Amino acid sequence: MTRLPVQATRFERLQRQLAGGLFGGLRGNWRRRSLGLLALLFGFFCGQNLTAYWYQRVGERPLVVLVLLVLLEVVVRLRTRVVAAEPGLGWLMADNLRIGLVYAVVLEAFKLGS
């Protein structure tokens, strides 16, 4: 039994875009997937250690979070200006690094209860 083709409706395009956004990192060869995953884990590792280290040195938690927020915003703005279509491996790694860093900072905030 053959499957009928899906009509190109707005809902179908939305579903395709969401699936591409959620599972887009799983496309490609093993090098792209493994470097993306390593960047995600390294971002998480750096997020946990940098916040603890900067908090020990600076002592001001809002200042540390503000600096991380500004750095992440610069990376996001730079990416949206430079990359128009399919991002390369470097931008994929930068995005995954950023996602891991944000996840670690948010998890740290939940652990501290603030």
PDB file of N, CA and C in Angstrom:
ATOM      1  N   MET A   1       0.833  -1.153   0.000  1.00  0.00           N
ATOM      2  CA  MET A   1       0.000   0.000   0.000  1.00  0.00           C
ATOM      3  C   MET A   1       0.892   1.235   0.000  1.00  0.00           C
ATOM      4  N   THR A   2       0.674   2.097  -0.952  1.00  0.00           N
ATOM      5  CA  THR A   2       1.511   3.286  -1.050  1.00  0.00           C
ATOM      6  C   THR A   2       0.915   4.419  -0.232  1.00  0.00           C
ATOM      7  N   ARG A   3       1.779   5.255   0.241  1.00  0.00           N
ATOM      8  CA  ARG A   3       1.374   6.388   1.062  1.00  0.00           C
ATOM      9  C   ARG A   3       1.112   7.597   0.172  1.00  0.00           C
ATOM     10  N   LEU A   4       0.046   8.300   0.439  1.00  0.00           N
ATOM     11  CA  LEU A   4      -0.282   9.489  -0.332  1.00  0.00           C
ATOM     12  C   LEU A   4       0.668  10.623   0.025  1.00  0.00           C
ATOM     13  N   PRO A   5       0.998  11.468  -0.936  1.00  0.00           N
ATOM     14  CA  PRO A   5       1.878  12.594  -0.618  1.00  0.00           C
ATOM     15  C   PRO A   5       1.182  13.600   0.291  1.00  0.00           C
ATOM     16  N   VAL A   6       1.963  14.216   1.141  1.00  0.00           N
ATOM     17  CA  VAL A   6       1.433  15.187   2.085  1.00  0.00           C
ATOM     18  C   VAL A   6       1.277  16.530   1.384  1.00  0.00           C
ATOM     19  N   GLN A   7       0.141  17.171   1.619  1.00  0.00           N
ATOM     20  CA  GLN A   7      -0.079  18.477   1.023  1.00  0.00           C
ATOM     21  C   GLN A   7       0.821  19.503   1.706  1.00  0.00           C
ATOM     22  N   ALA A   8       1.242  20.493   0.961  1.00  0.00           N
ATOM     23  CA  ALA A   8       2.131  21.530   1.485  1.00  0.00           C
ATOM     24  C   ALA A   8       1.311  22.618   2.174  1.00  0.00           C
ATOM     25  N   THR A   9       0.769  22.284   3.337  1.00  0.00           N
ATOM     26  CA  THR A   9      -0.001  23.260   4.098  1.00  0.00           C
ATOM     27  C   THR A   9       0.910  23.990   5.066  1.00  0.00           C
ATOM     28  N   ARG A  10       0.384  25.042   5.682  1.00  0.00           N
ATOM     29  CA  ARG A  10       1.184  25.786   6.655  1.00  0.00           C
ATOM     30  C   ARG A  10       1.521  24.917   7.861  1.00  0.00           C
ATOM     31  N   PHE A  11       0.555  24.096   8.287  1.00  0.00           N
ATOM     32  CA  PHE A  11       0.790  23.208   9.422  1.00  0.00           C
ATOM     33  C   PHE A  11       1.866  22.175   9.105  1.00  0.00           C
ATOM     34  N   GLU A  12       1.850  21.639   7.910  1.00  0.00           N
ATOM     35  CA  GLU A  12       2.859  20.653   7.522  1.00  0.00           C
ATOM     36  C   GLU A  12       4.238  21.293   7.462  1.00  0.00           C
ATOM     37  N   ARG A  13       4.323  22.531   6.950  1.00  0.00           N
ATOM     38  CA  ARG A  13       5.609  23.243   6.926  1.00  0.00           C
ATOM     39  C   ARG A  13       6.096  23.531   8.334  1.00  0.00           C
ATOM     40  N   LEU A  14       5.177  23.886   9.249  1.00  0.00           N
ATOM     41  CA  LEU A  14       5.538  24.121  10.643  1.00  0.00           C
ATOM     42  C   LEU A  14       6.080  22.847  11.273  1.00  0.00           C
ATOM     43  N   GLN A  15       5.433  21.720  11.014  1.00  0.00           N
ATOM     44  CA  GLN A  15       5.910  20.446  11.539  1.00  0.00           C
ATOM     45  C   GLN A  15       7.301  20.119  11.010  1.00  0.00           C
ATOM     46  N   ARG A  16       7.526  20.359   9.728  1.00  0.00           N
ATOM     47  CA  ARG A  16       8.832  20.088   9.129  1.00  0.00           C
ATOM     48  C   ARG A  16       9.915  20.983   9.743  1.00  0.00           C
ATOM     49  N   GLN A  17       9.590  22.262   9.975  1.00  0.00           N
ATOM     50  CA  GLN A  17      10.560  23.182  10.568  1.00  0.00           C
ATOM     51  C   GLN A  17      10.870  22.795  12.013  1.00  0.00           C
ATOM     52  N   LEU A  18       9.836  22.409  12.767  1.00  0.00           N
ATOM     53  CA  LEU A  18      10.065  21.985  14.151  1.00  0.00           C
ATOM     54  C   LEU A  18      10.917  20.723  14.220  1.00  0.00           C
ATOM     55  N   ALA A  19      10.631  19.769  13.355  1.00  0.00           N
ATOM     56  CA  ALA A  19      11.427  18.539  13.335  1.00  0.00           C
ATOM     57  C   ALA A  19      12.866  18.838  12.927  1.00  0.00           C
ATOM     58  N   GLY A  20      13.046  19.734  11.975  1.00  0.00           N
ATOM     59  CA  GLY A  20      14.404  20.112  11.577  1.00  0.00           C
ATOM     60  C   GLY A  20      15.146  20.825  12.685  1.00  0.00           C
ATOM     61  N   GLY A  21      14.443  21.658  13.435  1.00  0.00           N
ATOM     62  CA  GLY A  21      15.074  22.362  14.543  1.00  0.00           C
ATOM     63  C   GLY A  21      15.430  21.448  15.708  1.00  0.00           C
ATOM     64  N   LEU A  22      14.526  20.521  16.017  1.00  0.00           N
ATOM     65  CA  LEU A  22      14.771  19.625  17.143  1.00  0.00           C
ATOM     66  C   LEU A  22      15.797  18.545  16.818  1.00  0.00           C
ATOM     67  N   PHE A  23      15.693  17.991  15.623  1.00  0.00           N
ATOM     68  CA  PHE A  23      16.555  16.869  15.270  1.00  0.00           C
ATOM     69  C   PHE A  23      17.598  17.234  14.221  1.00  0.00           C
ATOM     70  N   GLY A  24      17.787  18.515  13.990  1.00  0.00           N
ATOM     71  CA  GLY A  24      18.756  18.961  12.995  1.00  0.00           C
ATOM     72  C   GLY A  24      20.184  18.612  13.353  1.00  0.00           C
ATOM     73  N   GLY A  25      20.473  18.563  14.658  1.00  0.00           N
ATOM     74  CA  GLY A  25      21.814  18.209  15.101  1.00  0.00           C
ATOM     75  C   GLY A  25      22.159  16.752  14.894  1.00  0.00           C
ATOM     76  N   LEU A  26      21.152  15.933  14.643  1.00  0.00           N
ATOM     77  CA  LEU A  26      21.398  14.506  14.428  1.00  0.00           C
ATOM     78  C   LEU A  26      21.638  14.167  12.964  1.00  0.00           C
ATOM     79  N   ARG A  27      21.518  15.168  12.092  1.00  0.00           N
ATOM     80  CA  ARG A  27      21.785  14.944  10.668  1.00  0.00           C
ATOM     81  C   ARG A  27      23.285  14.999  10.421  1.00  0.00           C
ATOM     82  N   GLY A  28      23.686  14.440   9.322  1.00  0.00           N
ATOM     83  CA  GLY A  28      25.075  14.539   8.910  1.00  0.00           C
ATOM     84  C   GLY A  28      25.880  13.302   9.249  1.00  0.00           C
ATOM     85  N   ASN A  29      27.171  13.421   9.038  1.00  0.00           N
ATOM     86  CA  ASN A  29      28.047  12.273   9.256  1.00  0.00           C
ATOM     87  C   ASN A  29      28.437  12.165  10.732  1.00  0.00           C
ATOM     88  N   TRP A  30      29.183  11.139  11.074  1.00  0.00           N
ATOM     89  CA  TRP A  30      29.530  10.884  12.464  1.00  0.00           C
ATOM     90  C   TRP A  30      30.409  11.981  13.032  1.00  0.00           C
ATOM     91  N   ARG A  31      31.245  12.610  12.182  1.00  0.00           N
ATOM     92  CA  ARG A  31      32.133  13.668  12.654  1.00  0.00           C
ATOM     93  C   ARG A  31      31.320  14.865  13.137  1.00  0.00           C
ATOM     94  N   ARG A  32      30.337  15.238  12.360  1.00  0.00           N
ATOM     95  CA  ARG A  32      29.484  16.380  12.725  1.00  0.00           C
ATOM     96  C   ARG A  32      28.682  16.097  13.995  1.00  0.00           C
ATOM     97  N   ARG A  33      28.115  14.901  14.088  1.00  0.00           N
ATOM     98  CA  ARG A  33      27.314  14.546  15.270  1.00  0.00           C
ATOM     99  C   ARG A  33      28.173  14.447  16.513  1.00  0.00           C
ATOM    100  N   SER A  34      29.334  13.807  16.408  1.00  0.00           N
ATOM    101  CA  SER A  34      30.165  13.628  17.594  1.00  0.00           C
ATOM    102  C   SER A  34      30.773  14.943  18.066  1.00  0.00           C
ATOM    103  N   LEU A  35      31.211  15.804  17.130  1.00  0.00           N
ATOM    104  CA  LEU A  35      31.748  17.101  17.541  1.00  0.00           C
ATOM    105  C   LEU A  35      30.652  17.991  18.121  1.00  0.00           C
ATOM    106  N   GLY A  36      29.445  17.878  17.606  1.00  0.00           N
ATOM    107  CA  GLY A  36      28.327  18.625  18.180  1.00  0.00           C
ATOM    108  C   GLY A  36      28.019  18.184  19.600  1.00  0.00           C
ATOM    109  N   LEU A  37      28.016  16.880  19.827  1.00  0.00           N
ATOM    110  CA  LEU A  37      27.770  16.358  21.166  1.00  0.00           C
ATOM    111  C   LEU A  37      28.901  16.717  22.120  1.00  0.00           C
ATOM    112  N   LEU A  38      30.138  16.628  21.655  1.00  0.00           N
ATOM    113  CA  LEU A  38      31.272  17.021  22.504  1.00  0.00           C
ATOM    114  C   LEU A  38      31.222  18.497  22.859  1.00  0.00           C
ATOM    115  N   ALA A  39      30.824  19.337  21.926  1.00  0.00           N
ATOM    116  CA  ALA A  39      30.696  20.770  22.213  1.00  0.00           C
ATOM    117  C   ALA A  39      29.592  21.018  23.231  1.00  0.00           C
ATOM    118  N   LEU A  40      28.502  20.282  23.137  1.00  0.00           N
ATOM    119  CA  LEU A  40      27.413  20.417  24.105  1.00  0.00           C
ATOM    120  C   LEU A  40      27.876  20.027  25.507  1.00  0.00           C
ATOM    121  N   LEU A  41      28.569  18.914  25.616  1.00  0.00           N
ATOM    122  CA  LEU A  41      29.070  18.460  26.914  1.00  0.00           C
ATOM    123  C   LEU A  41      30.168  19.377  27.446  1.00  0.00           C
ATOM    124  N   PHE A  42      31.024  19.879  26.565  1.00  0.00           N
ATOM    125  CA  PHE A  42      32.073  20.798  26.998  1.00  0.00           C
ATOM    126  C   PHE A  42      31.472  22.123  27.468  1.00  0.00           C
ATOM    127  N   GLY A  43      30.413  22.576  26.817  1.00  0.00           N
ATOM    128  CA  GLY A  43      29.729  23.780  27.258  1.00  0.00           C
ATOM    129  C   GLY A  43      29.120  23.594  28.635  1.00  0.00           C
ATOM    130  N   PHE A  44      28.534  22.435  28.887  1.00  0.00           N
ATOM    131  CA  PHE A  44      27.992  22.142  30.208  1.00  0.00           C
ATOM    132  C   PHE A  44      29.097  22.116  31.258  1.00  0.00           C
ATOM    133  N   PHE A  45      30.204  21.473  30.940  1.00  0.00           N
ATOM    134  CA  PHE A  45      31.348  21.401  31.852  1.00  0.00           C
ATOM    135  C   PHE A  45      31.885  22.801  32.154  1.00  0.00           C
ATOM    136  N   CYS A  46      32.055  23.601  31.119  1.00  0.00           N
ATOM    137  CA  CYS A  46      32.563  24.965  31.319  1.00  0.00           C
ATOM    138  C   CYS A  46      31.575  25.820  32.099  1.00  0.00           C
ATOM    139  N   GLY A  47      30.292  25.639  31.828  1.00  0.00           N
ATOM    140  CA  GLY A  47      29.284  26.404  32.547  1.00  0.00           C
ATOM    141  C   GLY A  47      29.300  26.124  34.033  1.00  0.00           C
ATOM    142  N   GLN A  48      29.466  24.878  34.403  1.00  0.00           N
ATOM    143  CA  GLN A  48      29.523  24.547  35.824  1.00  0.00           C
ATOM    144  C   GLN A  48      30.801  25.066  36.460  1.00  0.00           C
ATOM    145  N   ASN A  49      31.916  24.879  35.796  1.00  0.00           N
ATOM    146  CA  ASN A  49      33.187  25.252  36.409  1.00  0.00           C
ATOM    147  C   ASN A  49      33.456  26.746  36.356  1.00  0.00           C
ATOM    148  N   LEU A  50      33.103  27.405  35.267  1.00  0.00           N
ATOM    149  CA  LEU A  50      33.358  28.842  35.176  1.00  0.00           C
ATOM    150  C   LEU A  50      32.525  29.638  36.159  1.00  0.00           C
ATOM    151  N   THR A  51      31.266  29.258  36.338  1.00  0.00           N
ATOM    152  CA  THR A  51      30.453  30.003  37.298  1.00  0.00           C
ATOM    153  C   THR A  51      30.989  29.825  38.715  1.00  0.00           C
ATOM    154  N   ALA A  52      31.403  28.618  39.050  1.00  0.00           N
ATOM    155  CA  ALA A  52      31.955  28.398  40.392  1.00  0.00           C
ATOM    156  C   ALA A  52      33.289  29.135  40.562  1.00  0.00           C
ATOM    157  N   TYR A  53      34.137  29.083  39.542  1.00  0.00           N
ATOM    158  CA  TYR A  53      35.436  29.740  39.630  1.00  0.00           C
ATOM    159  C   TYR A  53      35.287  31.257  39.700  1.00  0.00           C
ATOM    160  N   TRP A  54      34.475  31.827  38.827  1.00  0.00           N
ATOM    161  CA  TRP A  54      34.295  33.287  38.843  1.00  0.00           C
ATOM    162  C   TRP A  54      33.615  33.739  40.121  1.00  0.00           C
ATOM    163  N   TYR A  55      32.712  32.934  40.648  1.00  0.00           N
ATOM    164  CA  TYR A  55      32.060  33.301  41.897  1.00  0.00           C
ATOM    165  C   TYR A  55      33.065  33.315  43.036  1.00  0.00           C
ATOM    166  N   GLN A  56      34.008  32.374  43.033  1.00  0.00           N
ATOM    167  CA  GLN A  56      35.047  32.346  44.064  1.00  0.00           C
ATOM    168  C   GLN A  56      35.968  33.550  43.956  1.00  0.00           C
ATOM    169  N   ARG A  57      36.331  33.944  42.735  1.00  0.00           N
ATOM    170  CA  ARG A  57      37.251  35.071  42.538  1.00  0.00           C
ATOM    171  C   ARG A  57      36.571  36.419  42.694  1.00  0.00           C
ATOM    172  N   VAL A  58      35.403  36.579  42.061  1.00  0.00           N
ATOM    173  CA  VAL A  58      34.735  37.878  42.055  1.00  0.00           C
ATOM    174  C   VAL A  58      33.853  38.034  43.289  1.00  0.00           C
ATOM    175  N   GLY A  59      33.099  37.016  43.606  1.00  0.00           N
ATOM    176  CA  GLY A  59      32.238  37.060  44.766  1.00  0.00           C
ATOM    177  C   GLY A  59      30.866  37.655  44.507  1.00  0.00           C
ATOM    178  N   GLU A  60      30.648  38.220  43.359  1.00  0.00           N
ATOM    179  CA  GLU A  60      29.362  38.809  43.005  1.00  0.00           C
ATOM    180  C   GLU A  60      28.650  37.907  42.005  1.00  0.00           C
ATOM    181  N   ARG A  61      27.661  37.205  42.458  1.00  0.00           N
ATOM    182  CA  ARG A  61      26.934  36.290  41.581  1.00  0.00           C
ATOM    183  C   ARG A  61      26.234  37.022  40.432  1.00  0.00           C
ATOM    184  N   PRO A  62      25.558  38.153  40.682  1.00  0.00           N
ATOM    185  CA  PRO A  62      24.915  38.841  39.541  1.00  0.00           C
ATOM    186  C   PRO A  62      25.909  39.316  38.487  1.00  0.00           C
ATOM    187  N   LEU A  63      27.093  39.720  38.892  1.00  0.00           N
ATOM    188  CA  LEU A  63      28.105  40.156  37.934  1.00  0.00           C
ATOM    189  C   LEU A  63      28.565  39.003  37.053  1.00  0.00           C
ATOM    190  N   VAL A  64      28.759  37.846  37.654  1.00  0.00           N
ATOM    191  CA  VAL A  64      29.188  36.664  36.897  1.00  0.00           C
ATOM    192  C   VAL A  64      28.127  36.270  35.878  1.00  0.00           C
ATOM    193  N   VAL A  65      26.885  36.261  36.303  1.00  0.00           N
ATOM    194  CA  VAL A  65      25.800  35.880  35.389  1.00  0.00           C
ATOM    195  C   VAL A  65      25.631  36.933  34.294  1.00  0.00           C
ATOM    196  N   LEU A  66      25.804  38.205  34.639  1.00  0.00           N
ATOM    197  CA  LEU A  66      25.692  39.262  33.639  1.00  0.00           C
ATOM    198  C   LEU A  66      26.777  39.131  32.569  1.00  0.00           C
ATOM    199  N   VAL A  67      28.003  38.838  32.974  1.00  0.00           N
ATOM    200  CA  VAL A  67      29.092  38.666  32.009  1.00  0.00           C
ATOM    201  C   VAL A  67      28.806  37.483  31.089  1.00  0.00           C
ATOM    202  N   LEU A  68      28.347  36.356  31.649  1.00  0.00           N
ATOM    203  CA  LEU A  68      28.009  35.199  30.818  1.00  0.00           C
ATOM    204  C   LEU A  68      26.861  35.515  29.875  1.00  0.00           C
ATOM    205  N   LEU A  69      25.874  36.242  30.364  1.00  0.00           N
ATOM    206  CA  LEU A  69      24.737  36.603  29.525  1.00  0.00           C
ATOM    207  C   LEU A  69      25.156  37.499  28.368  1.00  0.00           C
ATOM    208  N   VAL A  70      26.027  38.459  28.622  1.00  0.00           N
ATOM    209  CA  VAL A  70      26.491  39.352  27.559  1.00  0.00           C
ATOM    210  C   VAL A  70      27.313  38.575  26.526  1.00  0.00           C
ATOM    211  N   LEU A  71      28.185  37.697  26.967  1.00  0.00           N
ATOM    212  CA  LEU A  71      28.983  36.890  26.037  1.00  0.00           C
ATOM    213  C   LEU A  71      28.096  36.002  25.160  1.00  0.00           C
ATOM    214  N   LEU A  72      27.100  35.378  25.764  1.00  0.00           N
ATOM    215  CA  LEU A  72      26.205  34.518  24.996  1.00  0.00           C
ATOM    216  C   LEU A  72      25.369  35.330  24.014  1.00  0.00           C
ATOM    217  N   GLU A  73      24.947  36.514  24.423  1.00  0.00           N
ATOM    218  CA  GLU A  73      24.164  37.360  23.516  1.00  0.00           C
ATOM    219  C   GLU A  73      25.013  37.817  22.328  1.00  0.00           C
ATOM    220  N   VAL A  74      26.292  38.094  22.559  1.00  0.00           N
ATOM    221  CA  VAL A  74      27.183  38.484  21.463  1.00  0.00           C
ATOM    222  C   VAL A  74      27.325  37.338  20.465  1.00  0.00           C
ATOM    223  N   VAL A  75      27.453  36.112  20.967  1.00  0.00           N
ATOM    224  CA  VAL A  75      27.574  34.954  20.078  1.00  0.00           C
ATOM    225  C   VAL A  75      26.296  34.774  19.260  1.00  0.00           C
ATOM    226  N   VAL A  76      25.141  34.942  19.894  1.00  0.00           N
ATOM    227  CA  VAL A  76      23.874  34.786  19.175  1.00  0.00           C
ATOM    228  C   VAL A  76      23.729  35.861  18.108  1.00  0.00           C
ATOM    229  N   ARG A  77      24.027  37.113  18.448  1.00  0.00           N
ATOM    230  CA  ARG A  77      23.902  38.205  17.476  1.00  0.00           C
ATOM    231  C   ARG A  77      24.876  38.033  16.321  1.00  0.00           C
ATOM    232  N   LEU A  78      26.095  37.587  16.618  1.00  0.00           N
ATOM    233  CA  LEU A  78      27.090  37.367  15.582  1.00  0.00           C
ATOM    234  C   LEU A  78      26.643  36.253  14.634  1.00  0.00           C
ATOM    235  N   ARG A  79      26.084  35.200  15.196  1.00  0.00           N
ATOM    236  CA  ARG A  79      25.642  34.084  14.360  1.00  0.00           C
ATOM    237  C   ARG A  79      24.513  34.512  13.433  1.00  0.00           C
ATOM    238  N   THR A  80      23.546  35.259  13.948  1.00  0.00           N
ATOM    239  CA  THR A  80      22.424  35.646  13.103  1.00  0.00           C
ATOM    240  C   THR A  80      22.845  36.612  11.998  1.00  0.00           C
ATOM    241  N   ARG A  81      23.889  37.371  12.201  1.00  0.00           N
ATOM    242  CA  ARG A  81      24.353  38.296  11.169  1.00  0.00           C
ATOM    243  C   ARG A  81      25.224  37.609  10.122  1.00  0.00           C
ATOM    244  N   VAL A  82      26.015  36.640  10.535  1.00  0.00           N
ATOM    245  CA  VAL A  82      26.984  36.017   9.634  1.00  0.00           C
ATOM    246  C   VAL A  82      26.383  34.857   8.857  1.00  0.00           C
ATOM    247  N   VAL A  83      25.666  33.967   9.533  1.00  0.00           N
ATOM    248  CA  VAL A  83      25.159  32.753   8.906  1.00  0.00           C
ATOM    249  C   VAL A  83      23.740  32.989   8.421  1.00  0.00           C
ATOM    250  N   ALA A  84      23.534  32.787   7.137  1.00  0.00           N
ATOM    251  CA  ALA A  84      22.200  33.000   6.570  1.00  0.00           C
ATOM    252  C   ALA A  84      21.480  31.674   6.339  1.00  0.00           C
ATOM    253  N   ALA A  85      22.182  30.673   5.847  1.00  0.00           N
ATOM    254  CA  ALA A  85      21.533  29.406   5.498  1.00  0.00           C
ATOM    255  C   ALA A  85      21.953  28.318   6.485  1.00  0.00           C
ATOM    256  N   GLU A  86      22.378  27.209   5.979  1.00  0.00           N
ATOM    257  CA  GLU A  86      22.801  26.064   6.802  1.00  0.00           C
ATOM    258  C   GLU A  86      24.125  26.384   7.502  1.00  0.00           C
ATOM    259  N   PRO A  87      24.160  26.329   8.840  1.00  0.00           N
ATOM    260  CA  PRO A  87      25.406  26.652   9.543  1.00  0.00           C
ATOM    261  C   PRO A  87      26.464  25.565   9.347  1.00  0.00           C
ATOM    262  N   GLY A  88      27.701  25.983   9.357  1.00  0.00           N
ATOM    263  CA  GLY A  88      28.803  25.045   9.230  1.00  0.00           C
ATOM    264  C   GLY A  88      29.091  24.344  10.545  1.00  0.00           C
ATOM    265  N   LEU A  89      30.128  23.543  10.534  1.00  0.00           N
ATOM    266  CA  LEU A  89      30.479  22.763  11.722  1.00  0.00           C
ATOM    267  C   LEU A  89      30.913  23.667  12.872  1.00  0.00           C
ATOM    268  N   GLY A  90      31.638  24.732  12.577  1.00  0.00           N
ATOM    269  CA  GLY A  90      32.076  25.653  13.630  1.00  0.00           C
ATOM    270  C   GLY A  90      30.906  26.336  14.311  1.00  0.00           C
ATOM    271  N   TRP A  91      29.922  26.759  13.529  1.00  0.00           N
ATOM    272  CA  TRP A  91      28.753  27.405  14.121  1.00  0.00           C
ATOM    273  C   TRP A  91      27.896  26.409  14.881  1.00  0.00           C
ATOM    274  N   LEU A  92      27.822  25.163  14.412  1.00  0.00           N
ATOM    275  CA  LEU A  92      27.104  24.130  15.151  1.00  0.00           C
ATOM    276  C   LEU A  92      27.754  23.902  16.502  1.00  0.00           C
ATOM    277  N   MET A  93      29.076  23.856  16.516  1.00  0.00           N
ATOM    278  CA  MET A  93      29.785  23.672  17.778  1.00  0.00           C
ATOM    279  C   MET A  93      29.600  24.874  18.699  1.00  0.00           C
ATOM    280  N   ALA A  94      29.629  26.085  18.149  1.00  0.00           N
ATOM    281  CA  ALA A  94      29.419  27.286  18.965  1.00  0.00           C
ATOM    282  C   ALA A  94      28.005  27.298  19.549  1.00  0.00           C
ATOM    283  N   ASP A  95      27.020  26.906  18.755  1.00  0.00           N
ATOM    284  CA  ASP A  95      25.641  26.840  19.265  1.00  0.00           C
ATOM    285  C   ASP A  95      25.513  25.807  20.375  1.00  0.00           C
ATOM    286  N   ASN A  96      26.075  24.635  20.165  1.00  0.00           N
ATOM    287  CA  ASN A  96      25.984  23.588  21.183  1.00  0.00           C
ATOM    288  C   ASN A  96      26.757  23.968  22.438  1.00  0.00           C
ATOM    289  N   LEU A  97      27.876  24.630  22.279  1.00  0.00           N
ATOM    290  CA  LEU A  97      28.624  25.122  23.432  1.00  0.00           C
ATOM    291  C   LEU A  97      27.774  26.110  24.220  1.00  0.00           C
ATOM    292  N   ARG A  98      27.099  26.992  23.506  1.00  0.00           N
ATOM    293  CA  ARG A  98      26.242  27.991  24.136  1.00  0.00           C
ATOM    294  C   ARG A  98      25.061  27.326  24.850  1.00  0.00           C
ATOM    295  N   ILE A  99      24.450  26.343  24.221  1.00  0.00           N
ATOM    296  CA  ILE A  99      23.313  25.653  24.834  1.00  0.00           C
ATOM    297  C   ILE A  99      23.751  24.926  26.100  1.00  0.00           C
ATOM    298  N   GLY A 100      24.884  24.241  26.055  1.00  0.00           N
ATOM    299  CA  GLY A 100      25.392  23.556  27.241  1.00  0.00           C
ATOM    300  C   GLY A 100      25.732  24.521  28.364  1.00  0.00           C
ATOM    301  N   LEU A 101      26.292  25.669  28.020  1.00  0.00           N
ATOM    302  CA  LEU A 101      26.637  26.674  29.018  1.00  0.00           C
ATOM    303  C   LEU A 101      25.388  27.242  29.674  1.00  0.00           C
ATOM    304  N   VAL A 102      24.384  27.555  28.883  1.00  0.00           N
ATOM    305  CA  VAL A 102      23.133  28.085  29.431  1.00  0.00           C
ATOM    306  C   VAL A 102      22.458  27.045  30.317  1.00  0.00           C
ATOM    307  N   TYR A 103      22.451  25.807  29.889  1.00  0.00           N
ATOM    308  CA  TYR A 103      21.837  24.748  30.685  1.00  0.00           C
ATOM    309  C   TYR A 103      22.544  24.610  32.024  1.00  0.00           C
ATOM    310  N   ALA A 104      23.861  24.677  32.043  1.00  0.00           N
ATOM    311  CA  ALA A 104      24.603  24.552  33.291  1.00  0.00           C
ATOM    312  C   ALA A 104      24.322  25.727  34.223  1.00  0.00           C
ATOM    313  N   VAL A 105      24.245  26.935  33.688  1.00  0.00           N
ATOM    314  CA  VAL A 105      23.974  28.105  34.524  1.00  0.00           C
ATOM    315  C   VAL A 105      22.567  28.041  35.100  1.00  0.00           C
ATOM    316  N   VAL A 106      21.593  27.627  34.297  1.00  0.00           N
ATOM    317  CA  VAL A 106      20.211  27.514  34.800  1.00  0.00           C
ATOM    318  C   VAL A 106      20.116  26.414  35.840  1.00  0.00           C
ATOM    319  N   LEU A 107      20.785  25.301  35.611  1.00  0.00           N
ATOM    320  CA  LEU A 107      20.787  24.215  36.584  1.00  0.00           C
ATOM    321  C   LEU A 107      21.443  24.659  37.887  1.00  0.00           C
ATOM    322  N   GLU A 108      22.506  25.433  37.797  1.00  0.00           N
ATOM    323  CA  GLU A 108      23.179  25.972  38.983  1.00  0.00           C
ATOM    324  C   GLU A 108      22.246  26.908  39.749  1.00  0.00           C
ATOM    325  N   ALA A 109      21.483  27.712  39.026  1.00  0.00           N
ATOM    326  CA  ALA A 109      20.532  28.617  39.684  1.00  0.00           C
ATOM    327  C   ALA A 109      19.453  27.833  40.424  1.00  0.00           C
ATOM    328  N   PHE A 110      18.983  26.745  39.818  1.00  0.00           N
ATOM    329  CA  PHE A 110      17.990  25.918  40.513  1.00  0.00           C
ATOM    330  C   PHE A 110      18.584  25.244  41.724  1.00  0.00           C
ATOM    331  N   LYS A 111      19.831  24.811  41.636  1.00  0.00           N
ATOM    332  CA  LYS A 111      20.465  24.170  42.788  1.00  0.00           C
ATOM    333  C   LYS A 111      20.637  25.149  43.936  1.00  0.00           C
ATOM    334  N   LEU A 112      20.948  26.389  43.629  1.00  0.00           N
ATOM    335  CA  LEU A 112      21.154  27.391  44.680  1.00  0.00           C
ATOM    336  C   LEU A 112      19.846  27.954  45.196  1.00  0.00           C
ATOM    337  N   GLY A 113      18.778  27.746  44.476  1.00  0.00           N
ATOM    338  CA  GLY A 113      17.485  28.214  44.923  1.00  0.00           C
ATOM    339  C   GLY A 113      17.268  29.704  44.707  1.00  0.00           C
ATOM    340  N   SER A 114      18.001  30.279  43.757  1.00  0.00           N
ATOM    341  CA  SER A 114      17.822  31.713  43.520  1.00  0.00           C
ATOM    342  C   SER A 114      17.296  31.951  42.125  1.00  0.00           C
TER     343      SER A 114
END
